Structures are given as C-alpha cells and as structure tokens.
Amino acid sequence: MISSHQPIFIHSLFRTGSTYIFNVFRRSNKGYSCYQEPLNEYIFFSKDMPGRLLDVGSKEALYWRHPSIKDPYFYEFYKIFGSIQNLLRKEFSYDHYFASNLTSTPGFYEYIKALINNSNGRPLLQLCRSLGRAAMLKSHLGGVHVYLWRNPWDQWWSCKLGFDTNHLLILNAANLPSFLGELRQFFGVPEFHSENIFEEYNFFSEPWLSSRQSYMLFYALWCYGMLEALPYCDISIDIDNLSYSEKYKEETLLRLSGFDINELDFSDCKVPIGVYDSKDIDFFRENENFIHDLLIRHGYSKSQIDQIQERRIKHQVTLYEQGGITFDVSRDASRARELTRKYETELAELRSKVLKPLEGEYQRLQGEYQLLQEELILLQGEHQLLQGEYQNVSREIYDLKHGRLWRITAPFRRVGDLERYLKQRYRQKNLGRDTSSPKKIKLTLKKLLLCLVRQSLRLTSASLRLLPQRMHRSLKVRVLSFFGRFPWLKRSFKRLYLVSLGYLVRESNLPTELQHISPHARKIHADLQATVARQQRRGN
C-alpha cells in the first residue's frame, strides 16, 4: 500500500509538457504541495532577493507557450523561503546533473528534504534537471517517481525557443558519462565554469552547434533519460498520447490511482504534434543512428537501443490519424524546417570561421594577461620586501648617525676628508710645476703632516670632550705609556702640539733683530711668548 504522504517526483527533459502536468497537480482539489522545477537556476539566483520569485508568472507562460497558471511559478518556494535559503547551491542546476551519490553533491539531499518537510500537502516535485539523479533520489528519498516524455522530433523543435543553451550547460557538468564526453570533444565545445550561472549561460548561448549537432546532443540526452532514469521510475507518461488518446488518459489515471494519486484532470491536455516528410525523417534518422552507434561503443547493448525504438513506435501519434492534414501543409512545414536547419547550420559555421580564431586570440591574450598579473603580483611582493629592507637600513643609519659612536668618530672622518682635500689642493697648486725633487717632496710632506697633526689634535680634543670622565683617565694612561716607550716621538708631538697652539714660535716667526741669538735664547723667547699668550687667553 502506497502512503498518501509519499513525495511524488516527475522527471523529464525540457519541453515535455512538464509545466502542464505541474499545473494539473496544483489545481487539484486534493491539495498537493507543488514545487515547479526545484533545480531551476532562477531560484538560486533569487537567494538574496526572494521577492524575485514572484516575478515569474503569466507573461513568461505566454512566451514559453505554457498553460495559464494562477499563481507565480515559484510561489511555493517563496512561502517557505526562510527554511531553504541557506541550502540553495548554484551547482544543483547543472554542475551536479550527473551526481550518482550524495557525497558528489553536498547539500542536495538536505535541500530536497527541506522542501518535502515544509509541504502543507502531499509534496510534488516537477524536475527538468534530474535525469542523472533519479536513481539517487529514489534510493535516498523513496516516493513515487514518474517519467514524463515526448517524441524527440517535436520536443527538439520545441527546444528551439532557447533550450539548446540548457543542453550545453548539461554537457558542461561534472562526472559526464563517457559517451557525452566523446560527443563534446567531437563538437569542439569547451568547458566553461563560473561562480555566476548567468555568465555560464551567456557563454553557451553563442551558436556553438550546427543544426545537426544540436539534434545529436538533444537526442543523446533523450536516450540517456530512457536508459538511466526511466528504469527507476514507477510510471511513465507519454504527453503525446495523453493529448490525443482518451483511452491513454484513462489508463494513466488508473495507473496513478494505484499510487494514491487522484483527483487529476487531463481533459485539456493538448501538446502540438508536427508533420514530417521524407527530408525531415532522413535528417532525424541519420543523426539518431550516429548516437545509437556511440551508445553501443560506450557499453550499452543493442537490445537496450531496440527497446527505446520499440517504445517510440508503440506510442507514436501522427496527425494524419486525427484527420484534416493536407499534403500542402505538410510540404510547407517541411520547407520551413529545412530553412531553419540551414540557417542554424550556417550561423554555426560562420561562428566557427569568424569568431573561433578571434576566441583563440582572446584566449592567448587572456593567458598573457594572467601571466602579467602574476608577474605584477611578484614584483609588488618584491617591492614590499625591498621597501621593508630600505626602511630597516634607513632606521639603522639614523640610529648610527644619532648615536654616541658616530659623534666620537666624527673627528676621524673629518681627518680623512681633510686629507683628501689637501691632496686635491696640492695637485691643483703644483699643476705644471716640477715637484719631483726629493727636497720639494720632503718639504711638501712636512707641510701636509703638520697640517694633519694640527687638525687631528683639534678633533681629538673635541672627541675627548664627548667621552665620559673615567674614559679620559684610561685613555691618558694608555697614551702616556705609549709615548714613554718612544721619547723622541713624545718630544716631536709635544713640540708640534705647542706650535699648533701658539705656545712655540718657529724660526721663521722670529723678528729680524733676534735671528742671531743662540738656540737656548730662542727657547727662552718662545717660552716667554707662550706664557704671554697663555696669560692673554686666561685674561680673555
């Protein structure tokens, strides 16, 4: 006995009349809680603005040739949005289309379970993006599973309203079945992934496929549903027969009642069925045979393919059986479809010839741009490191120049500067002169030495004033000890020191009238002058 609270899952591809079936359940007096396309990307797009869920309604129904509906498509989601908002994931729509277990689609089970648990009546989930997950849903959530399908020729033409893009998004999914992977490679369609579903949508809305390739992809997905989703469903509904066979309607209602699914009215079901001539049929058969061979190469048996064909033949509905269709109408419809296929193929070829080279150039430039971006990031990192090192060195230089050691060694740096200055000045003064004689060299060196000693003594005196008092005594002891070992050096430095301070007068400074006095008298004269000079300085 089937529980009247078990959820109902309707699995289908796009353009199978699924919105009509959804509306039949929604308008039923039994009070089903109906969710229209729980995996629709628009629901995830509205995650941060739930008011958008109320924007999709009657206008969209008119454009997509859907039946007239009373409430907005996603009204049931809006009512429970607080319970599902944090469970919505962009990947549920297409990226995880072929997820075979819960670990490969995190959060999917929790999201579907939340919809079921927040239902006021028996939950019905109408799903157009679930064929690769039908087995997983059946295994983990139970319930009644219905497979809704339509003849592939009419369904493909109905998809020309814009659903080729959705098929390419499915082809962009993860865990792609091997035969679809080979098909994608055969088409030359690249993968493209983005956090924004509408960026992916815009990418695949380009005319990637010719008319032939478009049908191949659609029919491959159509066969996949028959092979991988239908076996896990409890009931299958052919929307073509539901539209034109009263007997089939009664049988469908009876089968549904066996799962306690009642109070449904299919009396207004009417899905268009096309009329095809030999050219159309040849087009379809050729591409279908290509897909059949592809499926067999990838592990499906010929008997499985034959079962699909038998099901199609058994449920085939033609408008000739309904009457009122003339050959002229059939011929004109065939010509219109042929022109459409021709236009679609030419558009794809034009894109391949014109846009594909440009896309290659764009990809190359994009790669170069990425490399330059990475190089810029590296250079910015190096710049920051060098800037940090520069700041560290600047800080060390600042600390060095403002420290005691810098002030103590300043006199010695000045001596070096003075030495370079004197050498330069000497070269300038003696430019063009003969300075190579030993006597001139000796005299020049003596002058330089005397000047350096004077400057050194002044700078040393200035440096000593910067030293602590205890260092004065220690330095004095070392200096006296050094000069004690070399008395002649001590006398020479003492004389040079006194001369530099003006305490001693050189012979060249003696008055003319005193040039004849003895050396002893000259010393006495110099001492007297030094004493007078000291007295004057003390007086000042």
Foldseek 3Di string as FASTA:
>chain_A
DFDQQFAEEEEEAPPLLLLVVQQLQVPFPQQELEAEAPLDLVCLVCLVPLVVQQVAAQVVCVLLVHDHHDGHRGVSCSVCVVQQSVLDANCSNAQCLQPAECVSPPSPVVNVVSSSVPGPGRYYYYHNRHLNPQVHCCVPRNGAYEYGGEPLVLSLVSCVSQCLLVLVSNLLYPPDQPLSVVLCVVLVPDHDDDSDVVVSSVVSSALSDALLSSSLSSVLVVLSSLVRNVVSHDYYDYLQCLAPPPVSVVVVQVSCVVNVDDRGDSPNRHDDDAAEDPVSVVSNVVSNVVSLVSVVVRPDDPVSVVVVVVVCVVPPDDCVVVDDDDPVVNVVVHVVVVVVSVVSRVSNVVCVVPVVVVVVVVVVVVVVVVVVVVVVVVVVVVVVVVVVVVVVVVVVVVCCCPDLVVLLCVLVVVLVVVLVVVVVVVCVVCPPHPCPDPVSVVVVVVVVVLVSLLSSVVSNVVSVVSDDPVVVVVVVVVVCVVCVVPVVVVVVSVVSVCVSVQLFDDLVPDDPVCNPDDPVVNVVVSNVRNVVVVVVVVVD
